[in-house]
Amino acid sequence: MLLVLFPDTFLSLHLLLLLLMQGVSRAIKITKLEVPKSVAVGDSGVLKCEWVDEGDHVYTLKWYQGIDEFYRWTPLETPEIKTFPIEHFTVDPRASRRGHVFIQNVTVNAGGSYRCEVSGEAPYFKTSFGTGYMTVVDLPDSVPSINTKDREPYKLHQEVVITCTSRDAQPAPTLSFYLNQQPWEGEEQVVVNSSSGLQTAIKTIRIEVLPSLAEGGVLQVKCVAAHPDLYWESNERNFSVDLPEFYHHRPPSSASQGVLPYSGETSSCCCSLVLITLTVFTAGVLLR
């Protein structure tokens, strides 16, 4: 079968090819998308979306939380910025510009996926998009508490159970124990309040009261509750230990201070070695 193409057909195909090539070369590409990793309830944050227009121009830029649009920037319209009501935060249009959006008064439900969508002009309306994820933290209302059911003063070699508790957060912070400024491992659990959904973190340590933990008759306990880059609170408590009289009058361990113990016998020995060395040296000089 012979296909005959007329000049008008060649012209139409040529124009179509040019349009297709032009459409391929004209595009918008998102080069930077930043969403805060963690924000506390009631705080604010900045969403950033930047792009390069490779031969195309921006028709509109939109920000979504999940499927809900809350911000639109259309440079050829007046006003350029439009915001749409959303339950979980508010947008400050005066502090927002182009792809940078200032959100404030965030709630726990503001956490989740955020999407920036940039579209080019007609006739192609080519679109580029990027996503990021934000966690919103409901911080504890108070510092962590340190508690024990064991009565003071403790006895040497007594087993003691101490707990650290951080209440009413979402999600619960990470707890860390320190005994005499040294990290101490323990068992951690999280309890969820069925009515509020808030979480309580509890960490428990079981220790034997050794002399090395109770110098001066005091056991120093510290608990830290933390969310990375967002929250850090601590509490400290000293527990009394009933030490035998011997431990109260015993001098601090010299070895632990990096100093050798002093004794008169050692001093005499050192002096004798010095005298012997000087005598040998003098004798050698006289014999020359």
C-alpha atoms as a PDB file:
ATOM      1  CA  MET A   1       0.000   0.000   0.000  1.00  0.00           C
ATOM      2  CA  LEU A   2       1.427   3.352  -1.037  1.00  0.00           C
ATOM      3  CA  LEU A   3       0.900   6.279   1.384  1.00  0.00           C
ATOM      4  CA  VAL A   4       0.787   9.641  -0.322  1.00  0.00           C
ATOM      5  CA  LEU A   5       1.517  12.735   1.822  1.00  0.00           C
ATOM      6  CA  PHE A   6       0.583  16.149   0.512  1.00  0.00           C
ATOM      7  CA  PRO A   7       2.530  19.330   1.318  1.00  0.00           C
ATOM      8  CA  ASP A   8      -0.087  20.443   3.854  1.00  0.00           C
ATOM      9  CA  THR A   9       0.379  17.179   5.696  1.00  0.00           C
ATOM     10  CA  PHE A  10       4.176  17.676   5.848  1.00  0.00           C
ATOM     11  CA  LEU A  11       3.617  21.179   7.227  1.00  0.00           C
ATOM     12  CA  SER A  12       1.232  19.940   9.919  1.00  0.00           C
ATOM     13  CA  LEU A  13       3.629  17.193  11.010  1.00  0.00           C
ATOM     14  CA  HIS A  14       6.488  19.673  11.101  1.00  0.00           C
ATOM     15  CA  LEU A  15       4.546  22.075  13.323  1.00  0.00           C
ATOM     16  CA  LEU A  16       3.454  19.217  15.577  1.00  0.00           C
ATOM     17  CA  LEU A  17       7.066  18.065  15.953  1.00  0.00           C
ATOM     18  CA  LEU A  18       8.190  21.590  16.829  1.00  0.00           C
ATOM     19  CA  LEU A  19       5.479  21.906  19.454  1.00  0.00           C
ATOM     20  CA  LEU A  20       6.412  18.559  20.961  1.00  0.00           C
ATOM     21  CA  MET A  21      10.121  19.503  21.100  1.00  0.00           C
ATOM     22  CA  GLN A  22       9.257  22.841  22.639  1.00  0.00           C
ATOM     23  CA  GLY A  23       7.115  21.122  25.270  1.00  0.00           C
ATOM     24  CA  VAL A  24       9.942  18.770  26.202  1.00  0.00           C
ATOM     25  CA  SER A  25      12.437  21.630  26.589  1.00  0.00           C
ATOM     26  CA  ARG A  26      10.083  23.788  28.666  1.00  0.00           C
ATOM     27  CA  ALA A  27       9.699  22.489  32.206  1.00  0.00           C
ATOM     28  CA  ILE A  28       9.777  23.414  35.897  1.00  0.00           C
ATOM     29  CA  LYS A  29      11.851  21.445  38.385  1.00  0.00           C
ATOM     30  CA  ILE A  30      11.686  21.683  42.196  1.00  0.00           C
ATOM     31  CA  THR A  31      15.232  21.983  43.522  1.00  0.00           C
ATOM     32  CA  LYS A  32      14.620  22.427  47.254  1.00  0.00           C
ATOM     33  CA  LEU A  33      11.822  21.358  49.574  1.00  0.00           C
ATOM     34  CA  GLU A  34      12.075  21.816  53.352  1.00  0.00           C
ATOM     35  CA  VAL A  35       9.484  20.823  55.937  1.00  0.00           C
ATOM     36  CA  PRO A  36      10.309  21.111  59.683  1.00  0.00           C
ATOM     37  CA  LYS A  37      11.003  17.648  61.067  1.00  0.00           C
ATOM     38  CA  SER A  38       9.601  18.400  64.534  1.00  0.00           C
ATOM     39  CA  VAL A  39       7.447  21.245  65.866  1.00  0.00           C
ATOM     40  CA  ALA A  40       5.950  21.625  69.339  1.00  0.00           C
ATOM     41  CA  VAL A  41       2.221  22.173  69.791  1.00  0.00           C
ATOM     42  CA  GLY A  42       1.450  25.902  69.634  1.00  0.00           C
ATOM     43  CA  ASP A  43       4.731  26.742  67.882  1.00  0.00           C
ATOM     44  CA  SER A  44       5.372  27.880  64.308  1.00  0.00           C
ATOM     45  CA  GLY A  45       7.442  26.796  61.334  1.00  0.00           C
ATOM     46  CA  VAL A  46       8.397  27.637  57.756  1.00  0.00           C
ATOM     47  CA  LEU A  47       7.718  25.469  54.713  1.00  0.00           C
ATOM     48  CA  LYS A  48      10.119  26.089  51.811  1.00  0.00           C
ATOM     49  CA  CYS A  49       9.649  25.167  48.159  1.00  0.00           C
ATOM     50  CA  GLU A  50      12.111  26.439  45.525  1.00  0.00           C
ATOM     51  CA  TRP A  51      12.439  25.637  41.830  1.00  0.00           C
ATOM     52  CA  VAL A  52      14.107  26.430  38.524  1.00  0.00           C
ATOM     53  CA  ASP A  53      12.050  27.217  35.410  1.00  0.00           C
ATOM     54  CA  GLU A  54      13.796  25.637  32.470  1.00  0.00           C
ATOM     55  CA  GLY A  55      12.276  27.827  29.737  1.00  0.00           C
ATOM     56  CA  ASP A  56       8.864  27.846  31.420  1.00  0.00           C
ATOM     57  CA  HIS A  57       7.214  30.301  33.817  1.00  0.00           C
ATOM     58  CA  VAL A  58       5.229  29.559  36.958  1.00  0.00           C
ATOM     59  CA  TYR A  59       1.493  29.738  36.608  1.00  0.00           C
ATOM     60  CA  THR A  60       0.702  28.676  40.156  1.00  0.00           C
ATOM     61  CA  LEU A  61       2.269  27.141  43.264  1.00  0.00           C
ATOM     62  CA  LYS A  62       0.195  25.218  45.802  1.00  0.00           C
ATOM     63  CA  TRP A  63       0.864  23.733  49.239  1.00  0.00           C
ATOM     64  CA  TYR A  64      -1.167  20.800  50.598  1.00  0.00           C
ATOM     65  CA  GLN A  65      -1.380  19.028  53.942  1.00  0.00           C
ATOM     66  CA  GLY A  66      -2.517  15.561  52.988  1.00  0.00           C
ATOM     67  CA  ILE A  67      -5.198  16.263  50.347  1.00  0.00           C
ATOM     68  CA  ASP A  68      -6.163  19.693  51.714  1.00  0.00           C
ATOM     69  CA  GLU A  69      -4.878  22.771  49.903  1.00  0.00           C
ATOM     70  CA  PHE A  70      -4.080  25.629  52.296  1.00  0.00           C
ATOM     71  CA  TYR A  71      -1.844  28.003  50.279  1.00  0.00           C
ATOM     72  CA  ARG A  72      -1.706  29.177  46.665  1.00  0.00           C
ATOM     73  CA  TRP A  73       0.626  31.616  44.946  1.00  0.00           C
ATOM     74  CA  THR A  74      -0.390  32.828  41.453  1.00  0.00           C
ATOM     75  CA  PRO A  75       2.012  35.572  40.309  1.00  0.00           C
ATOM     76  CA  LEU A  76      -0.224  36.882  37.493  1.00  0.00           C
ATOM     77  CA  GLU A  77      -3.250  37.363  39.740  1.00  0.00           C
ATOM     78  CA  THR A  78      -4.159  39.999  42.346  1.00  0.00           C
ATOM     79  CA  PRO A  79      -3.713  39.267  45.137  1.00  0.00           C
ATOM     80  CA  GLU A  80      -0.906  36.855  44.380  1.00  0.00           C
ATOM     81  CA  ILE A  81      -1.358  34.880  47.615  1.00  0.00           C
ATOM     82  CA  LYS A  82      -4.519  33.082  48.645  1.00  0.00           C
ATOM     83  CA  THR A  83      -4.937  30.995  51.823  1.00  0.00           C
ATOM     84  CA  PHE A  84      -7.618  28.450  52.626  1.00  0.00           C
ATOM     85  CA  PRO A  85      -8.915  27.612  56.117  1.00  0.00           C
ATOM     86  CA  ILE A  86      -7.483  24.495  57.729  1.00  0.00           C
ATOM     87  CA  GLU A  87      -8.154  23.197  61.235  1.00  0.00           C
ATOM     88  CA  HIS A  88      -4.661  22.258  62.336  1.00  0.00           C
ATOM     89  CA  PHE A  89      -2.733  25.551  61.937  1.00  0.00           C
ATOM     90  CA  THR A  90      -2.986  29.074  60.534  1.00  0.00           C
ATOM     91  CA  VAL A  91      -1.045  30.624  57.656  1.00  0.00           C
ATOM     92  CA  ASP A  92       0.401  34.124  57.995  1.00  0.00           C
ATOM     93  CA  PRO A  93       0.222  35.563  54.439  1.00  0.00           C
ATOM     94  CA  ARG A  94       2.215  38.664  55.443  1.00  0.00           C
ATOM     95  CA  ALA A  95       5.178  36.490  56.432  1.00  0.00           C
ATOM     96  CA  SER A  96       4.801  34.215  53.376  1.00  0.00           C
ATOM     97  CA  ARG A  97       6.248  34.783  49.912  1.00  0.00           C
ATOM     98  CA  ARG A  98       6.312  32.698  46.748  1.00  0.00           C
ATOM     99  CA  GLY A  99       7.046  29.141  47.879  1.00  0.00           C
ATOM    100  CA  HIS A 100       7.933  30.047  51.475  1.00  0.00           C
ATOM    101  CA  VAL A 101       4.960  29.652  53.827  1.00  0.00           C
ATOM    102  CA  PHE A 102       4.866  30.644  57.511  1.00  0.00           C
ATOM    103  CA  ILE A 103       2.523  28.465  59.593  1.00  0.00           C
ATOM    104  CA  GLN A 104       1.710  29.034  63.281  1.00  0.00           C
ATOM    105  CA  ASN A 105      -0.404  27.767  66.195  1.00  0.00           C
ATOM    106  CA  VAL A 106       0.059  24.154  65.115  1.00  0.00           C
ATOM    107  CA  THR A 107      -1.912  21.344  66.760  1.00  0.00           C
ATOM    108  CA  VAL A 108      -1.020  17.664  67.124  1.00  0.00           C
ATOM    109  CA  ASN A 109      -3.062  16.924  63.997  1.00  0.00           C
ATOM    110  CA  ALA A 110      -0.825  19.227  61.937  1.00  0.00           C
ATOM    111  CA  GLY A 111       1.658  16.375  61.756  1.00  0.00           C
ATOM    112  CA  GLY A 112       1.792  14.387  58.544  1.00  0.00           C
ATOM    113  CA  SER A 113       2.652  14.696  54.857  1.00  0.00           C
ATOM    114  CA  TYR A 114       3.088  18.073  53.114  1.00  0.00           C
ATOM    115  CA  ARG A 115       3.243  18.520  49.340  1.00  0.00           C
ATOM    116  CA  CYS A 116       4.392  21.431  47.194  1.00  0.00           C
ATOM    117  CA  GLU A 117       3.066  21.523  43.621  1.00  0.00           C
ATOM    118  CA  VAL A 118       4.400  23.954  40.981  1.00  0.00           C
ATOM    119  CA  SER A 119       2.693  24.272  37.579  1.00  0.00           C
ATOM    120  CA  GLY A 120       3.911  26.043  34.447  1.00  0.00           C
ATOM    121  CA  GLU A 121       1.909  28.264  32.114  1.00  0.00           C
ATOM    122  CA  ALA A 122      -0.387  27.266  29.260  1.00  0.00           C
ATOM    123  CA  PRO A 123      -0.612  25.420  27.005  1.00  0.00           C
ATOM    124  CA  TYR A 124       1.281  22.611  28.759  1.00  0.00           C
ATOM    125  CA  PHE A 125       0.772  23.357  32.481  1.00  0.00           C
ATOM    126  CA  LYS A 126       3.679  21.050  33.249  1.00  0.00           C
ATOM    127  CA  THR A 127       3.737  20.246  36.960  1.00  0.00           C
ATOM    128  CA  SER A 128       6.486  19.327  39.402  1.00  0.00           C
ATOM    129  CA  PHE A 129       5.912  18.324  43.008  1.00  0.00           C
ATOM    130  CA  GLY A 130       7.783  17.305  46.160  1.00  0.00           C
ATOM    131  CA  THR A 131       6.735  15.975  49.581  1.00  0.00           C
ATOM    132  CA  GLY A 132       8.006  16.166  53.146  1.00  0.00           C
ATOM    133  CA  TYR A 133       6.879  14.906  56.545  1.00  0.00           C
ATOM    134  CA  MET A 134       6.433  16.882  59.772  1.00  0.00           C
ATOM    135  CA  THR A 135       5.973  15.550  63.314  1.00  0.00           C
ATOM    136  CA  VAL A 136       4.143  17.671  65.879  1.00  0.00           C
ATOM    137  CA  VAL A 137       5.004  16.997  69.513  1.00  0.00           C
ATOM    138  CA  ASP A 138       2.780  17.729  72.504  1.00  0.00           C
ATOM    139  CA  LEU A 139       5.444  18.352  75.148  1.00  0.00           C
ATOM    140  CA  PRO A 140       5.127  17.318  78.814  1.00  0.00           C
ATOM    141  CA  ASP A 141       3.724  19.983  81.122  1.00  0.00           C
ATOM    142  CA  SER A 142       6.332  19.422  83.846  1.00  0.00           C
ATOM    143  CA  VAL A 143       9.862  18.136  84.413  1.00  0.00           C
ATOM    144  CA  PRO A 144      10.315  14.379  84.909  1.00  0.00           C
ATOM    145  CA  SER A 145       9.767  13.072  88.437  1.00  0.00           C
ATOM    146  CA  ILE A 146      12.054  10.667  90.323  1.00  0.00           C
ATOM    147  CA  ASN A 147      10.420   8.290  92.817  1.00  0.00           C
ATOM    148  CA  THR A 148      11.110   5.199  94.893  1.00  0.00           C
ATOM    149  CA  LYS A 149       9.216   3.086  97.430  1.00  0.00           C
ATOM    150  CA  ASP A 150      12.386   2.217  99.334  1.00  0.00           C
ATOM    151  CA  ARG A 151      12.894   4.158 102.536  1.00  0.00           C
ATOM    152  CA  GLU A 152      15.992   6.154 103.278  1.00  0.00           C
ATOM    153  CA  PRO A 153      18.680   5.906 104.415  1.00  0.00           C
ATOM    154  CA  TYR A 154      19.691   2.982 102.225  1.00  0.00           C
ATOM    155  CA  LYS A 155      21.983   0.233 103.469  1.00  0.00           C
ATOM    156  CA  LEU A 156      25.094  -0.952 101.683  1.00  0.00           C
ATOM    157  CA  HIS A 157      24.364  -3.770  99.209  1.00  0.00           C
ATOM    158  CA  GLN A 158      20.619  -3.105  99.476  1.00  0.00           C
ATOM    159  CA  GLU A 159      18.686  -3.499  96.218  1.00  0.00           C
ATOM    160  CA  VAL A 160      16.825  -0.295  95.364  1.00  0.00           C
ATOM    161  CA  VAL A 161      14.207   0.356  92.676  1.00  0.00           C
ATOM    162  CA  ILE A 162      13.988   3.924  91.328  1.00  0.00           C
ATOM    163  CA  THR A 163      11.605   5.198  88.626  1.00  0.00           C
ATOM    164  CA  CYS A 164      11.574   8.278  86.415  1.00  0.00           C
ATOM    165  CA  THR A 165       8.240   9.410  84.986  1.00  0.00           C
ATOM    166  CA  SER A 166       7.388  11.984  82.295  1.00  0.00           C
ATOM    167  CA  ARG A 167       3.640  12.503  81.943  1.00  0.00           C
ATOM    168  CA  ASP A 168       1.143  13.575  79.276  1.00  0.00           C
ATOM    169  CA  ALA A 169       3.056  13.979  76.026  1.00  0.00           C
ATOM    170  CA  GLN A 170       2.510  12.950  72.414  1.00  0.00           C
ATOM    171  CA  PRO A 171       4.694  11.158  71.538  1.00  0.00           C
ATOM    172  CA  ALA A 172       6.400  10.338  74.841  1.00  0.00           C
ATOM    173  CA  PRO A 173       9.966  11.668  75.299  1.00  0.00           C
ATOM    174  CA  THR A 174      13.019   9.443  75.683  1.00  0.00           C
ATOM    175  CA  LEU A 175      14.194   9.039  79.287  1.00  0.00           C
ATOM    176  CA  SER A 176      17.813   8.688  80.431  1.00  0.00           C
ATOM    177  CA  PHE A 177      19.145   7.895  83.921  1.00  0.00           C
ATOM    178  CA  TYR A 178      22.455   9.082  85.407  1.00  0.00           C
ATOM    179  CA  LEU A 179      23.942   7.848  88.697  1.00  0.00           C
ATOM    180  CA  ASN A 180      26.713  10.105  90.001  1.00  0.00           C
ATOM    181  CA  GLN A 181      26.860  11.694  86.505  1.00  0.00           C
ATOM    182  CA  GLN A 182      27.366   8.307  84.804  1.00  0.00           C
ATOM    183  CA  PRO A 183      24.763   6.892  82.332  1.00  0.00           C
ATOM    184  CA  TRP A 184      22.741   4.004  83.734  1.00  0.00           C
ATOM    185  CA  GLU A 185      20.591   1.584  81.743  1.00  0.00           C
ATOM    186  CA  GLY A 186      17.040   0.698  82.736  1.00  0.00           C
ATOM    187  CA  GLU A 187      13.710  -0.668  81.513  1.00  0.00           C
ATOM    188  CA  GLU A 188      11.393   1.788  79.751  1.00  0.00           C
ATOM    189  CA  GLN A 189       7.682   1.565  78.978  1.00  0.00           C
ATOM    190  CA  VAL A 190       5.018   3.895  77.576  1.00  0.00           C
ATOM    191  CA  VAL A 191       1.461   4.057  78.927  1.00  0.00           C
ATOM    192  CA  VAL A 192      -1.299   5.631  76.792  1.00  0.00           C
ATOM    193  CA  ASN A 193      -4.226   7.509  78.320  1.00  0.00           C
ATOM    194  CA  SER A 194      -7.293   6.040  76.618  1.00  0.00           C
ATOM    195  CA  SER A 195      -9.343   9.251  76.909  1.00  0.00           C
ATOM    196  CA  SER A 196      -6.791  11.918  75.923  1.00  0.00           C
ATOM    197  CA  GLY A 197      -4.416   9.812  73.822  1.00  0.00           C
ATOM    198  CA  LEU A 198      -1.472  11.373  75.661  1.00  0.00           C
ATOM    199  CA  GLN A 199       1.458   9.170  76.608  1.00  0.00           C
ATOM    200  CA  THR A 200       3.400   8.719  79.846  1.00  0.00           C
ATOM    201  CA  ALA A 201       6.983   7.419  79.729  1.00  0.00           C
ATOM    202  CA  ILE A 202       8.278   5.422  82.716  1.00  0.00           C
ATOM    203  CA  LYS A 203      11.849   4.213  83.142  1.00  0.00           C
ATOM    204  CA  THR A 204      12.904   1.913  85.992  1.00  0.00           C
ATOM    205  CA  ILE A 205      16.347   1.009  87.317  1.00  0.00           C
ATOM    206  CA  ARG A 206      17.257  -1.663  89.867  1.00  0.00           C
ATOM    207  CA  ILE A 207      20.594  -1.161  91.555  1.00  0.00           C
ATOM    208  CA  GLU A 208      22.673  -2.591  94.368  1.00  0.00           C
ATOM    209  CA  VAL A 209      23.953   0.176  96.634  1.00  0.00           C
ATOM    210  CA  LEU A 210      27.700  -0.274  96.433  1.00  0.00           C
ATOM    211  CA  PRO A 211      30.287   1.874  98.251  1.00  0.00           C
ATOM    212  CA  SER A 212      31.426   3.281  94.886  1.00  0.00           C
ATOM    213  CA  LEU A 213      27.900   4.649  94.288  1.00  0.00           C
ATOM    214  CA  ALA A 214      27.553   6.293  97.698  1.00  0.00           C
ATOM    215  CA  GLU A 215      30.710   8.249  98.439  1.00  0.00           C
ATOM    216  CA  GLY A 216      30.054  10.599 101.323  1.00  0.00           C
ATOM    217  CA  GLY A 217      26.804   8.795 102.099  1.00  0.00           C
ATOM    218  CA  VAL A 218      24.931  10.232  99.087  1.00  0.00           C
ATOM    219  CA  LEU A 219      23.580   8.521  95.973  1.00  0.00           C
ATOM    220  CA  GLN A 220      23.060  11.141  93.223  1.00  0.00           C
ATOM    221  CA  VAL A 221      20.306  10.328  90.702  1.00  0.00           C
ATOM    222  CA  LYS A 222      19.453  12.386  87.608  1.00  0.00           C
ATOM    223  CA  CYS A 223      16.765  11.788  84.983  1.00  0.00           C
ATOM    224  CA  VAL A 224      16.566  13.523  81.589  1.00  0.00           C
ATOM    225  CA  ALA A 225      13.499  13.646  79.324  1.00  0.00           C
ATOM    226  CA  ALA A 226      14.220  14.672  75.731  1.00  0.00           C
ATOM    227  CA  HIS A 227      12.925  15.003  72.186  1.00  0.00           C
ATOM    228  CA  PRO A 228      15.829  15.497  69.727  1.00  0.00           C
ATOM    229  CA  ASP A 229      16.379  19.175  68.813  1.00  0.00           C
ATOM    230  CA  LEU A 230      13.102  20.173  70.488  1.00  0.00           C
ATOM    231  CA  TYR A 231      12.907  19.460  74.201  1.00  0.00           C
ATOM    232  CA  TRP A 232      15.271  18.752  77.107  1.00  0.00           C
ATOM    233  CA  GLU A 233      14.301  18.788  80.789  1.00  0.00           C
ATOM    234  CA  SER A 234      15.928  17.130  83.781  1.00  0.00           C
ATOM    235  CA  ASN A 235      15.416  16.487  87.461  1.00  0.00           C
ATOM    236  CA  GLU A 236      17.891  15.488  90.166  1.00  0.00           C
ATOM    237  CA  ARG A 237      17.512  13.872  93.561  1.00  0.00           C
ATOM    238  CA  ASN A 238      19.992  12.832  96.259  1.00  0.00           C
ATOM    239  CA  PHE A 239      19.322   9.712  98.336  1.00  0.00           C
ATOM    240  CA  SER A 240      21.035   9.206 101.675  1.00  0.00           C
ATOM    241  CA  VAL A 241      23.018   6.028 102.352  1.00  0.00           C
ATOM    242  CA  ASP A 242      23.885   4.739 105.828  1.00  0.00           C
ATOM    243  CA  LEU A 243      27.614   4.053 105.543  1.00  0.00           C
ATOM    244  CA  PRO A 244      29.650   2.339 108.279  1.00  0.00           C
ATOM    245  CA  GLU A 245      32.003   4.651 110.194  1.00  0.00           C
ATOM    246  CA  PHE A 246      34.969   3.252 108.300  1.00  0.00           C
ATOM    247  CA  TYR A 247      33.737   4.691 104.973  1.00  0.00           C
ATOM    248  CA  HIS A 248      33.239   8.162 106.462  1.00  0.00           C
ATOM    249  CA  HIS A 249      36.865   8.426 107.631  1.00  0.00           C
ATOM    250  CA  ARG A 250      38.467   6.654 104.688  1.00  0.00           C
ATOM    251  CA  PRO A 251      40.393   9.144 102.476  1.00  0.00           C
ATOM    252  CA  PRO A 252      39.408   9.403  98.812  1.00  0.00           C
ATOM    253  CA  SER A 253      40.989   6.817  96.579  1.00  0.00           C
ATOM    254  CA  SER A 254      44.306   8.238  95.332  1.00  0.00           C
ATOM    255  CA  ALA A 255      44.344   5.906  92.359  1.00  0.00           C
ATOM    256  CA  SER A 256      41.013   7.312  91.146  1.00  0.00           C
ATOM    257  CA  GLN A 257      42.539  10.798  91.225  1.00  0.00           C
ATOM    258  CA  GLY A 258      45.581   9.743  89.221  1.00  0.00           C
ATOM    259  CA  VAL A 259      48.000  10.417  92.155  1.00  0.00           C
ATOM    260  CA  LEU A 260      50.309   7.832  93.672  1.00  0.00           C
ATOM    261  CA  PRO A 261      49.941   7.421  97.453  1.00  0.00           C
ATOM    262  CA  TYR A 262      52.687   9.066  99.511  1.00  0.00           C
ATOM    263  CA  SER A 263      54.703   7.145 102.118  1.00  0.00           C
ATOM    264  CA  GLY A 264      57.841   7.968 104.096  1.00  0.00           C
ATOM    265  CA  GLU A 265      59.351   4.608 103.209  1.00  0.00           C
ATOM    266  CA  THR A 266      59.006   5.328  99.504  1.00  0.00           C
ATOM    267  CA  SER A 267      60.576   8.743 100.022  1.00  0.00           C
ATOM    268  CA  SER A 268      63.562   7.261 101.885  1.00  0.00           C
ATOM    269  CA  CYS A 269      64.035   4.690  99.169  1.00  0.00           C
ATOM    270  CA  CYS A 270      64.036   7.388  96.498  1.00  0.00           C
ATOM    271  CA  CYS A 271      66.592   9.447  98.454  1.00  0.00           C
ATOM    272  CA  SER A 272      68.881   6.406  98.826  1.00  0.00           C
ATOM    273  CA  LEU A 273      68.770   5.788  95.075  1.00  0.00           C
ATOM    274  CA  VAL A 274      69.686   9.407  94.409  1.00  0.00           C
ATOM    275  CA  LEU A 275      72.696   9.236  96.817  1.00  0.00           C
ATOM    276  CA  ILE A 276      73.936   6.011  95.265  1.00  0.00           C
ATOM    277  CA  THR A 277      73.671   7.506  91.789  1.00  0.00           C
ATOM    278  CA  LEU A 278      75.618  10.626  92.827  1.00  0.00           C
ATOM    279  CA  THR A 279      78.307   8.512  94.532  1.00  0.00           C
ATOM    280  CA  VAL A 280      78.851   6.356  91.449  1.00  0.00           C
ATOM    281  CA  PHE A 281      78.978   9.420  89.233  1.00  0.00           C
ATOM    282  CA  THR A 282      81.566  11.148  91.494  1.00  0.00           C
ATOM    283  CA  ALA A 283      83.741   8.051  91.659  1.00  0.00           C
ATOM    284  CA  GLY A 284      83.749   7.814  87.906  1.00  0.00           C
ATOM    285  CA  VAL A 285      84.869  11.418  87.571  1.00  0.00           C
ATOM    286  CA  LEU A 286      87.743  10.966  90.093  1.00  0.00           C
ATOM    287  CA  LEU A 287      89.044   7.851  88.341  1.00  0.00           C
ATOM    288  CA  ARG A 288      89.446   9.663  85.019  1.00  0.00           C
END
